[in-house]
C-alpha atoms as a PDB file:
ATOM      1  CA  MET A   1       0.000   0.000   0.000  1.00  0.00           C
ATOM      2  CA  THR A   2       2.986   2.327   0.240  1.00  0.00           C
ATOM      3  CA  ASP A   3       2.641   3.402  -3.400  1.00  0.00           C
ATOM      4  CA  ILE A   4      -0.886   4.716  -2.783  1.00  0.00           C
ATOM      5  CA  LYS A   5      -0.804   8.472  -2.079  1.00  0.00           C
ATOM      6  CA  VAL A   6      -3.468  10.442  -0.210  1.00  0.00           C
ATOM      7  CA  LYS A   7      -3.137  13.385  -2.615  1.00  0.00           C
ATOM      8  CA  ASP A   8      -3.731  11.100  -5.626  1.00  0.00           C
ATOM      9  CA  PHE A   9      -6.874   9.688  -4.007  1.00  0.00           C
ATOM     10  CA  ILE A  10      -8.270  13.068  -3.045  1.00  0.00           C
ATOM     11  CA  PHE A  11      -7.561  14.581  -6.452  1.00  0.00           C
ATOM     12  CA  GLY A  12      -9.221  11.484  -7.963  1.00  0.00           C
ATOM     13  CA  MET A  13     -12.403  11.939  -5.922  1.00  0.00           C
ATOM     14  CA  PRO A  14     -14.064  14.236  -8.498  1.00  0.00           C
ATOM     15  CA  THR A  15     -13.775  11.410 -11.073  1.00  0.00           C
ATOM     16  CA  ARG A  16     -15.574   9.018  -8.692  1.00  0.00           C
ATOM     17  CA  PHE A  17     -18.144  11.630  -7.666  1.00  0.00           C
ATOM     18  CA  ALA A  18     -21.763  10.523  -8.095  1.00  0.00           C
ATOM     19  CA  GLY A  19     -23.065  13.912  -9.213  1.00  0.00           C
ATOM     20  CA  GLU A  20     -26.601  12.637  -9.761  1.00  0.00           C
ATOM     21  CA  LYS A  21     -26.829  12.030  -5.990  1.00  0.00           C
ATOM     22  CA  ALA A  22     -25.730  15.594  -5.222  1.00  0.00           C
ATOM     23  CA  LEU A  23     -28.213  17.668  -7.194  1.00  0.00           C
ATOM     24  CA  GLY A  24     -28.980  20.808  -5.220  1.00  0.00           C
ATOM     25  CA  LEU A  25     -26.112  20.155  -2.797  1.00  0.00           C
ATOM     26  CA  GLU A  26     -23.586  22.900  -2.200  1.00  0.00           C
ATOM     27  CA  ALA A  27     -20.834  21.944   0.237  1.00  0.00           C
ATOM     28  CA  THR A  28     -17.176  22.361   1.115  1.00  0.00           C
ATOM     29  CA  ILE A  29     -15.452  19.328   2.641  1.00  0.00           C
ATOM     30  CA  GLN A  30     -12.094  19.929   4.338  1.00  0.00           C
ATOM     31  CA  PHE A  31      -9.704  17.010   4.863  1.00  0.00           C
ATOM     32  CA  LEU A  32      -7.011  17.491   7.508  1.00  0.00           C
ATOM     33  CA  ILE A  33      -4.764  14.483   7.004  1.00  0.00           C
ATOM     34  CA  SER A  34      -1.870  13.865   9.409  1.00  0.00           C
ATOM     35  CA  GLY A  35       1.205  11.710   8.862  1.00  0.00           C
ATOM     36  CA  ASP A  36       4.026  11.540   6.331  1.00  0.00           C
ATOM     37  CA  ASP A  37       1.624  11.524   3.373  1.00  0.00           C
ATOM     38  CA  GLY A  38      -0.790  14.045   4.886  1.00  0.00           C
ATOM     39  CA  GLY A  39      -1.879  17.539   3.975  1.00  0.00           C
ATOM     40  CA  ASN A  40      -4.831  19.910   3.900  1.00  0.00           C
ATOM     41  CA  PHE A  41      -7.232  19.190   1.063  1.00  0.00           C
ATOM     42  CA  VAL A  42     -10.646  20.536   0.167  1.00  0.00           C
ATOM     43  CA  LEU A  43     -13.506  19.376  -2.043  1.00  0.00           C
ATOM     44  CA  HIS A  44     -16.073  21.823  -3.401  1.00  0.00           C
ATOM     45  CA  ILE A  45     -19.447  20.404  -4.415  1.00  0.00           C
ATOM     46  CA  LYS A  46     -21.862  22.581  -6.377  1.00  0.00           C
ATOM     47  CA  ASP A  47     -24.432  22.008  -9.127  1.00  0.00           C
ATOM     48  CA  GLY A  48     -23.688  18.270  -9.319  1.00  0.00           C
ATOM     49  CA  THR A  49     -19.933  18.799  -9.823  1.00  0.00           C
ATOM     50  CA  CYS A  50     -16.931  18.329  -7.577  1.00  0.00           C
ATOM     51  CA  THR A  51     -13.459  19.906  -7.597  1.00  0.00           C
ATOM     52  CA  ALA A  52     -10.425  19.187  -5.404  1.00  0.00           C
ATOM     53  CA  ASN A  53      -7.689  21.532  -4.182  1.00  0.00           C
ATOM     54  CA  GLU A  54      -4.851  21.463  -1.698  1.00  0.00           C
ATOM     55  CA  ARG A  55      -5.437  24.221   0.865  1.00  0.00           C
ATOM     56  CA  LEU A  56      -7.248  25.240   4.035  1.00  0.00           C
ATOM     57  CA  GLU A  57     -10.781  26.575   3.719  1.00  0.00           C
ATOM     58  CA  ALA A  58     -12.050  29.358   6.010  1.00  0.00           C
ATOM     59  CA  SER A  59     -15.480  27.899   6.827  1.00  0.00           C
ATOM     60  CA  PRO A  60     -16.061  24.391   5.445  1.00  0.00           C
ATOM     61  CA  THR A  61     -19.421  22.651   5.637  1.00  0.00           C
ATOM     62  CA  LEU A  62     -17.677  19.524   6.964  1.00  0.00           C
ATOM     63  CA  THR A  63     -14.153  18.978   8.322  1.00  0.00           C
ATOM     64  CA  LEU A  64     -12.670  15.483   8.523  1.00  0.00           C
ATOM     65  CA  ARG A  65      -9.520  14.803  10.571  1.00  0.00           C
ATOM     66  CA  MET A  66      -7.621  11.526  10.290  1.00  0.00           C
ATOM     67  CA  SER A  67      -4.228   9.974   9.607  1.00  0.00           C
ATOM     68  CA  SER A  68      -3.089   9.167   6.087  1.00  0.00           C
ATOM     69  CA  GLU A  69      -3.271   5.459   7.000  1.00  0.00           C
ATOM     70  CA  THR A  70      -6.928   5.818   8.058  1.00  0.00           C
ATOM     71  CA  TYR A  71      -7.812   7.793   4.917  1.00  0.00           C
ATOM     72  CA  ILE A  72      -6.249   5.213   2.574  1.00  0.00           C
ATOM     73  CA  GLY A  73      -7.966   2.377   4.462  1.00  0.00           C
ATOM     74  CA  MET A  74     -11.332   4.071   4.027  1.00  0.00           C
ATOM     75  CA  ALA A  75     -10.661   5.034   0.395  1.00  0.00           C
ATOM     76  CA  ILE A  76      -9.973   1.435  -0.632  1.00  0.00           C
ATOM     77  CA  GLY A  77     -12.828   0.024   1.443  1.00  0.00           C
ATOM     78  CA  LYS A  78     -10.752  -1.791   4.080  1.00  0.00           C
ATOM     79  CA  LEU A  79     -12.073   0.513   6.812  1.00  0.00           C
ATOM     80  CA  LYS A  80     -15.627   1.838   7.025  1.00  0.00           C
ATOM     81  CA  GLY A  81     -16.302   5.408   8.157  1.00  0.00           C
ATOM     82  CA  PRO A  82     -18.429   4.475  11.195  1.00  0.00           C
ATOM     83  CA  GLN A  83     -15.785   1.947  12.263  1.00  0.00           C
ATOM     84  CA  ALA A  84     -13.044   4.599  11.983  1.00  0.00           C
ATOM     85  CA  PHE A  85     -15.180   7.058  13.953  1.00  0.00           C
ATOM     86  CA  PHE A  86     -15.881   4.642  16.810  1.00  0.00           C
ATOM     87  CA  MET A  87     -12.203   3.646  16.932  1.00  0.00           C
ATOM     88  CA  ARG A  88     -11.427   7.380  17.265  1.00  0.00           C
ATOM     89  CA  LYS A  89      -9.388   7.314  14.062  1.00  0.00           C
ATOM     90  CA  LEU A  90     -11.771   9.757  12.373  1.00  0.00           C
ATOM     91  CA  ARG A  91     -12.934  13.051  13.857  1.00  0.00           C
ATOM     92  CA  PHE A  92     -15.373  15.424  12.224  1.00  0.00           C
ATOM     93  CA  GLU A  93     -16.901  18.847  12.686  1.00  0.00           C
ATOM     94  CA  GLY A  94     -19.859  20.169  10.747  1.00  0.00           C
ATOM     95  CA  GLU A  95     -22.890  18.686   9.047  1.00  0.00           C
ATOM     96  CA  THR A  96     -23.545  15.121  10.175  1.00  0.00           C
ATOM     97  CA  LYS A  97     -25.999  14.583   7.281  1.00  0.00           C
ATOM     98  CA  LEU A  98     -23.240  15.335   4.775  1.00  0.00           C
ATOM     99  CA  LEU A  99     -20.875  12.960   6.567  1.00  0.00           C
ATOM    100  CA  MET A 100     -23.477  10.184   6.358  1.00  0.00           C
ATOM    101  CA  LYS A 101     -23.885  10.827   2.626  1.00  0.00           C
ATOM    102  CA  MET A 102     -20.140  10.683   1.800  1.00  0.00           C
ATOM    103  CA  HIS A 103     -20.141   6.959   0.962  1.00  0.00           C
ATOM    104  CA  SER A 104     -22.898   7.358  -1.627  1.00  0.00           C
ATOM    105  CA  LEU A 105     -21.331  10.510  -3.103  1.00  0.00           C
ATOM    106  CA  PHE A 106     -17.871   8.926  -3.396  1.00  0.00           C
ATOM    107  CA  PRO A 107     -17.988   5.142  -3.900  1.00  0.00           C
ATOM    108  CA  SER A 108     -14.894   3.284  -2.621  1.00  0.00           C
ATOM    109  CA  VAL A 109     -12.061   2.271  -4.891  1.00  0.00           C
ATOM    110  CA  HIS A 110     -10.830  -1.260  -4.330  1.00  0.00           C
ATOM    111  CA  GLU A 111      -7.116  -1.936  -4.106  1.00  0.00           C
ATOM    112  CA  SER A 112      -7.390  -4.289  -7.105  1.00  0.00           C
ATOM    113  CA  ASP A 113      -8.653  -1.367  -9.224  1.00  0.00           C
ATOM    114  CA  LEU A 114      -5.356   0.480  -8.660  1.00  0.00           C
ATOM    115  CA  HIS A 115      -3.101  -2.015 -10.432  1.00  0.00           C
END
């Protein structure tokens, strides 16, 4: 898994975005990823589209804090969001409804799809 980069996954999220499930949704999702492969990333969702950038946002709709290991685990489907939350590997601030909708907006990539 060492060749899988958080930045690559986050910048790939707009390609996996299920825009038809986000009609009428306008949101800013901030990712604060710790660890060697971490960084501050943001997704903007508006009018059924999604864009990704590397920066801090002043007032995001939802902020997710986790390690790079936790993020990769969730991105490839080895770790579920609720499991990460209850294990205290995932912290969030902001709209709970948006957090609950993340899985349907961004379907998981399986590790086998990466090779």
